[in-house]
Amino acid sequence: METVSALATVGVSQGITPELSYMGKGLIVFLMYVGRIGPLTLALALGERRRRGVMHYPEGKIMVG
């Protein structure tokens, strides 16, 4: 129940969080973070590879007056 609530960031709790070990509390914090930013966003941020390419700036004529 605690883990599902943390992942969904709904705030429903059975009140056992203070009794968890440091590892359990760390897992709850991690799941809260993942639930907040979203699994898809996290996957894209960790899996995205950027290509280094040549930059091209647009050209245009500006008319003044």
Protein backbone atom coordinates (compact mmCIF):
# COMPACT_ATOMS: atom_id res chain seq x y z
CA MET A 1 0.00 0.00 0.00
CA GLU A 2 2.78 2.44 0.86
CA THR A 3 4.68 1.79 -2.35
CA VAL A 4 1.65 2.16 -4.61
CA SER A 5 0.71 5.38 -2.83
CA ALA A 6 4.25 6.73 -3.22
CA LEU A 7 4.43 5.86 -6.92
CA ALA A 8 1.00 7.35 -7.63
CA THR A 9 1.72 10.37 -5.37
CA VAL A 10 -1.76 10.25 -3.84
CA GLY A 11 -0.85 10.50 -0.16
CA VAL A 12 -2.79 7.47 1.08
CA SER A 13 -0.88 5.78 3.86
CA GLN A 14 -1.41 3.15 6.55
CA GLY A 15 0.90 5.01 8.91
CA ILE A 16 3.74 2.49 8.85
CA THR A 17 6.27 4.73 7.09
CA PRO A 18 8.00 5.84 10.35
CA GLU A 19 8.57 2.18 11.23
CA LEU A 20 10.39 1.39 7.98
CA SER A 21 14.14 0.91 7.85
CA TYR A 22 16.41 3.46 6.16
CA MET A 23 16.39 1.29 3.05
CA GLY A 24 12.59 1.18 3.04
CA LYS A 25 12.32 4.93 3.51
CA GLY A 26 14.82 5.43 0.70
CA LEU A 27 12.71 3.23 -1.57
CA ILE A 28 9.61 5.27 -0.70
CA VAL A 29 11.46 8.52 -1.48
CA PHE A 30 12.71 7.12 -4.80
CA LEU A 31 9.21 5.97 -5.77
CA MET A 32 7.79 9.38 -4.88
CA TYR A 33 10.38 11.02 -7.13
CA VAL A 34 9.71 8.62 -10.01
CA GLY A 35 5.97 9.08 -9.61
CA ARG A 36 6.33 12.86 -9.64
CA ILE A 37 8.41 13.15 -12.79
CA GLY A 38 6.72 10.22 -14.54
CA PRO A 39 8.16 6.94 -15.78
CA LEU A 40 8.15 8.01 -19.43
CA THR A 41 10.01 11.25 -18.71
CA LEU A 42 12.54 9.36 -16.61
CA ALA A 43 13.09 6.77 -19.35
CA LEU A 44 13.57 9.46 -22.00
CA ALA A 45 15.95 11.44 -19.82
CA LEU A 46 18.12 8.43 -19.05
CA GLY A 47 17.98 6.86 -22.51
CA GLU A 48 18.31 9.86 -24.80
CA ARG A 49 21.48 10.13 -26.81
CA ARG A 50 22.30 13.45 -28.30
CA ARG A 51 23.84 13.74 -31.69
CA ARG A 52 26.47 16.33 -32.25
CA GLY A 53 25.96 17.82 -35.65
CA VAL A 54 26.61 20.90 -37.65
CA MET A 55 24.43 23.83 -36.68
CA HIS A 56 22.73 25.85 -39.39
CA TYR A 57 21.33 29.28 -38.64
CA PRO A 58 18.39 30.57 -40.67
CA GLU A 59 19.01 33.43 -43.06
CA GLY A 60 16.59 36.19 -43.85
CA LYS A 61 16.39 39.78 -44.99
CA ILE A 62 14.95 42.30 -42.56
CA MET A 63 13.19 45.29 -44.03
CA VAL A 64 13.39 48.44 -41.96
CA GLY A 65 11.34 51.55 -42.58
